[in-house]
Amino acid sequence: MDFFINTANAQAGGGSGQSMLSAMLLPLLLLVVFYFLLIRPQNKRAKEQREMLSKVAVGDEIATTGGILGKVTDVGDQFLTLEIASGVSVKLQKFQVAQVLPKGTVKSA
């Protein structure tokens, strides 16, 4: 029956400092790995997105997250107006901008 339940054996009291260090090393290592693989790249992408949105100006050609291409005709704090066809304008929230396109992209599309 010993293969189901481990028997408790007395251990020397002097080795507890080493086991405490090794027990704390793994969670600390996991936190460092999560920071460099998940948190830091996500913060970098969010910063780039904020910078892009702050630089959007009238006349820029953009693509939205919904796939709509158009030319910016008005920019506000939270919203912008996008002309998607001649005489057709749409008002959308700034965070919906996926990317700023090079000039002339909308005409060729």
C-alpha atoms as a PDB file:
ATOM      1  CA  MET A   1       0.000   0.000   0.000  1.00  0.00           C
ATOM      2  CA  ASP A   2       3.056   2.313   0.158  1.00  0.00           C
ATOM      3  CA  PHE A   3       2.881   3.129  -3.532  1.00  0.00           C
ATOM      4  CA  PHE A   4      -0.390   5.093  -3.007  1.00  0.00           C
ATOM      5  CA  ILE A   5       0.638   6.988   0.116  1.00  0.00           C
ATOM      6  CA  ASN A   6       4.093   8.341   0.754  1.00  0.00           C
ATOM      7  CA  THR A   7       5.377   7.606   4.193  1.00  0.00           C
ATOM      8  CA  ALA A   8       6.674  10.524   6.246  1.00  0.00           C
ATOM      9  CA  ASN A   9      10.312  10.209   7.188  1.00  0.00           C
ATOM     10  CA  ALA A  10      12.109  12.465   9.599  1.00  0.00           C
ATOM     11  CA  GLN A  11      14.523  14.843   7.897  1.00  0.00           C
ATOM     12  CA  ALA A  12      17.406  16.833   9.238  1.00  0.00           C
ATOM     13  CA  GLY A  13      16.394  20.385  10.239  1.00  0.00           C
ATOM     14  CA  GLY A  14      19.466  22.079   8.733  1.00  0.00           C
ATOM     15  CA  GLY A  15      18.412  21.792   5.081  1.00  0.00           C
ATOM     16  CA  SER A  16      15.247  23.915   5.288  1.00  0.00           C
ATOM     17  CA  GLY A  17      16.976  27.091   4.028  1.00  0.00           C
ATOM     18  CA  GLN A  18      17.995  25.432   0.790  1.00  0.00           C
ATOM     19  CA  SER A  19      14.520  23.996   0.139  1.00  0.00           C
ATOM     20  CA  MET A  20      12.911  27.398   0.817  1.00  0.00           C
ATOM     21  CA  LEU A  21      15.218  29.038  -1.734  1.00  0.00           C
ATOM     22  CA  SER A  22      14.509  26.418  -4.377  1.00  0.00           C
ATOM     23  CA  ALA A  23      10.758  26.637  -3.683  1.00  0.00           C
ATOM     24  CA  MET A  24      10.776  30.403  -4.318  1.00  0.00           C
ATOM     25  CA  LEU A  25      13.060  30.229  -7.339  1.00  0.00           C
ATOM     26  CA  LEU A  26      10.535  28.593  -9.697  1.00  0.00           C
ATOM     27  CA  PRO A  27       7.688  31.147  -9.195  1.00  0.00           C
ATOM     28  CA  LEU A  28      10.178  34.003  -9.506  1.00  0.00           C
ATOM     29  CA  LEU A  29      11.542  32.538 -12.723  1.00  0.00           C
ATOM     30  CA  LEU A  30       7.990  32.140 -14.089  1.00  0.00           C
ATOM     31  CA  LEU A  31       7.216  35.793 -13.329  1.00  0.00           C
ATOM     32  CA  VAL A  32      10.323  36.930 -15.184  1.00  0.00           C
ATOM     33  CA  VAL A  33       9.472  34.754 -18.200  1.00  0.00           C
ATOM     34  CA  PHE A  34       5.860  36.029 -18.264  1.00  0.00           C
ATOM     35  CA  TYR A  35       7.090  39.606 -18.115  1.00  0.00           C
ATOM     36  CA  PHE A  36       9.456  39.270 -21.070  1.00  0.00           C
ATOM     37  CA  LEU A  37       7.214  37.042 -23.215  1.00  0.00           C
ATOM     38  CA  LEU A  38       3.743  38.471 -22.511  1.00  0.00           C
ATOM     39  CA  ILE A  39       3.555  41.737 -20.588  1.00  0.00           C
ATOM     40  CA  ARG A  40       6.411  43.716 -22.146  1.00  0.00           C
ATOM     41  CA  PRO A  41       5.467  43.057 -25.818  1.00  0.00           C
ATOM     42  CA  GLN A  42       1.807  43.840 -25.101  1.00  0.00           C
ATOM     43  CA  ASN A  43       2.723  47.159 -23.474  1.00  0.00           C
ATOM     44  CA  LYS A  44       4.970  47.979 -26.438  1.00  0.00           C
ATOM     45  CA  ARG A  45       2.158  47.318 -28.946  1.00  0.00           C
ATOM     46  CA  ALA A  46      -0.282  49.410 -26.884  1.00  0.00           C
ATOM     47  CA  LYS A  47       2.190  52.303 -26.812  1.00  0.00           C
ATOM     48  CA  GLU A  48       2.669  52.123 -30.603  1.00  0.00           C
ATOM     49  CA  GLN A  49      -1.126  52.107 -31.090  1.00  0.00           C
ATOM     50  CA  ARG A  50      -1.559  55.188 -28.845  1.00  0.00           C
ATOM     51  CA  GLU A  51       1.181  57.030 -30.751  1.00  0.00           C
ATOM     52  CA  MET A  52      -0.386  56.146 -34.102  1.00  0.00           C
ATOM     53  CA  LEU A  53      -3.820  57.357 -32.975  1.00  0.00           C
ATOM     54  CA  SER A  54      -2.421  60.628 -31.670  1.00  0.00           C
ATOM     55  CA  LYS A  55      -0.777  61.318 -35.062  1.00  0.00           C
ATOM     56  CA  VAL A  56      -3.904  60.694 -37.196  1.00  0.00           C
ATOM     57  CA  ALA A  57      -4.703  63.946 -39.017  1.00  0.00           C
ATOM     58  CA  VAL A  58      -7.137  65.246 -41.608  1.00  0.00           C
ATOM     59  CA  GLY A  59      -6.205  63.901 -45.043  1.00  0.00           C
ATOM     60  CA  ASP A  60      -4.693  60.635 -43.795  1.00  0.00           C
ATOM     61  CA  GLU A  61      -5.903  57.424 -45.387  1.00  0.00           C
ATOM     62  CA  ILE A  62      -6.685  54.699 -42.859  1.00  0.00           C
ATOM     63  CA  ALA A  63      -7.986  51.160 -42.556  1.00  0.00           C
ATOM     64  CA  THR A  64     -10.384  50.344 -39.726  1.00  0.00           C
ATOM     65  CA  THR A  65     -10.547  47.126 -37.732  1.00  0.00           C
ATOM     66  CA  GLY A  66     -13.707  46.292 -39.695  1.00  0.00           C
ATOM     67  CA  GLY A  67     -11.797  46.499 -42.989  1.00  0.00           C
ATOM     68  CA  ILE A  68     -13.170  49.830 -44.193  1.00  0.00           C
ATOM     69  CA  LEU A  69     -10.739  52.051 -46.112  1.00  0.00           C
ATOM     70  CA  GLY A  70     -11.211  55.793 -46.249  1.00  0.00           C
ATOM     71  CA  LYS A  71      -9.849  59.288 -45.915  1.00  0.00           C
ATOM     72  CA  VAL A  72     -10.059  61.212 -42.630  1.00  0.00           C
ATOM     73  CA  THR A  73     -12.071  64.433 -42.974  1.00  0.00           C
ATOM     74  CA  ASP A  74     -12.444  65.452 -39.293  1.00  0.00           C
ATOM     75  CA  VAL A  75     -10.590  64.502 -36.114  1.00  0.00           C
ATOM     76  CA  GLY A  76     -11.900  64.939 -32.567  1.00  0.00           C
ATOM     77  CA  ASP A  77     -10.753  63.718 -29.162  1.00  0.00           C
ATOM     78  CA  GLN A  78     -12.603  60.386 -29.233  1.00  0.00           C
ATOM     79  CA  PHE A  79     -14.145  60.281 -32.721  1.00  0.00           C
ATOM     80  CA  LEU A  80     -13.134  60.921 -36.307  1.00  0.00           C
ATOM     81  CA  THR A  81     -15.041  61.255 -39.561  1.00  0.00           C
ATOM     82  CA  LEU A  82     -14.031  58.994 -42.408  1.00  0.00           C
ATOM     83  CA  GLU A  83     -15.016  59.546 -46.047  1.00  0.00           C
ATOM     84  CA  ILE A  84     -15.380  56.086 -47.563  1.00  0.00           C
ATOM     85  CA  ALA A  85     -16.835  57.189 -50.930  1.00  0.00           C
ATOM     86  CA  SER A  86     -17.654  60.432 -52.655  1.00  0.00           C
ATOM     87  CA  GLY A  87     -20.249  62.103 -50.419  1.00  0.00           C
ATOM     88  CA  VAL A  88     -20.403  59.167 -47.952  1.00  0.00           C
ATOM     89  CA  SER A  89     -18.948  59.891 -44.513  1.00  0.00           C
ATOM     90  CA  VAL A  90     -18.890  57.681 -41.446  1.00  0.00           C
ATOM     91  CA  LYS A  91     -18.179  58.742 -37.869  1.00  0.00           C
ATOM     92  CA  LEU A  92     -16.210  56.200 -35.847  1.00  0.00           C
ATOM     93  CA  GLN A  93     -14.281  55.902 -32.618  1.00  0.00           C
ATOM     94  CA  LYS A  94     -10.545  56.472 -32.831  1.00  0.00           C
ATOM     95  CA  PHE A  95      -9.582  53.126 -31.333  1.00  0.00           C
ATOM     96  CA  GLN A  96     -11.153  51.409 -34.365  1.00  0.00           C
ATOM     97  CA  VAL A  97      -8.273  52.592 -36.565  1.00  0.00           C
ATOM     98  CA  ALA A  98      -6.131  49.586 -37.445  1.00  0.00           C
ATOM     99  CA  GLN A  99      -3.436  51.308 -39.481  1.00  0.00           C
ATOM    100  CA  VAL A 100      -2.552  54.463 -41.360  1.00  0.00           C
ATOM    101  CA  LEU A 101      -2.086  53.705 -45.055  1.00  0.00           C
ATOM    102  CA  PRO A 102       0.335  55.335 -47.500  1.00  0.00           C
ATOM    103  CA  LYS A 103      -1.073  58.225 -49.547  1.00  0.00           C
ATOM    104  CA  GLY A 104      -2.943  57.102 -52.684  1.00  0.00           C
ATOM    105  CA  THR A 105      -3.897  53.669 -51.354  1.00  0.00           C
ATOM    106  CA  VAL A 106      -7.630  54.399 -51.194  1.00  0.00           C
ATOM    107  CA  LYS A 107      -7.768  55.662 -54.794  1.00  0.00           C
ATOM    108  CA  SER A 108      -6.138  52.472 -56.106  1.00  0.00           C
ATOM    109  CA  ALA A 109      -8.352  50.139 -54.041  1.00  0.00           C
END
